[in-house]
Amino acid sequence: MLDSTLEDQSPTPARNSPIQGETEVTLTINDESYTVNIEPRVTLLDVLRERLGLTGSKKGCDHGQCGACTVLIDGERVYSCLSLAIMQEGKTIVTIEGLGSEEELHPLQAAFLENDGLQCGYCTPGQICASAALLEEVKQGSASAITPDLTSLPDLETLSEAEIKERLSGNLCRCGAYNGIVAAVQQVSGQAAPSPAANILVEEPEQ
């Protein structure tokens, strides 16, 4: 006779079996509330682009390696391709569409234009969102992996080119517009002028 405890056990579902059903999720994005019915596995990036029409956040690698999908969640930069939308309920999400408008650009958007911090533009929304987070991190006294002295953290006026590059190292630009990107961040930081290296892509060529 079989043990009754064994008879009552339900079969263990296969690990790769599909998840059935959808869940209602309410997200706060760019100061607006959106309610969507989604499967728990859907990423924030897919909700933004495919369900809400907020296509500023780009899908590059879809594996958290390029940074094109970067958005701000509660003020911190996040790869939206790696973030489940269902986990963002109750949080404040800001995409590139929420940083500025056609009538009034965010200072970083204007600086990217002025300093040629883009070429094809595909990575630019993520670069700008990451740069906005970078500036806030510096204001709050956050160190980077290359900050030499943790007792004397950089502020916006002393933020070096090396610090900017390190803090933006999670955002790739395949066109190679890094000098202009650094110059844009330096400009918004309130520094008097971009570094000499950044000037390479900013100055007009001599006639």
Foldseek 3Di string as FASTA:
>chain_A
DDDVVVVPDDDDDDPPDDDDFWDWAWAAELNDIDIDTGHQVDFQQCCCVPVVPNPQQDDDPLPLQAQSRWWAKQLATDRRSPHGPRVRGPIYIYFLPNQAHPVGHHLLVVLCVLLVLADPCSSVRRLSRLLSSVLVCQVVLHAFPPQPDSVDGDHLQRQDLVNVCRSSVRHDHPVPSSLSSSQSSNVVSVYPGRDPSSCVRNDDDDD
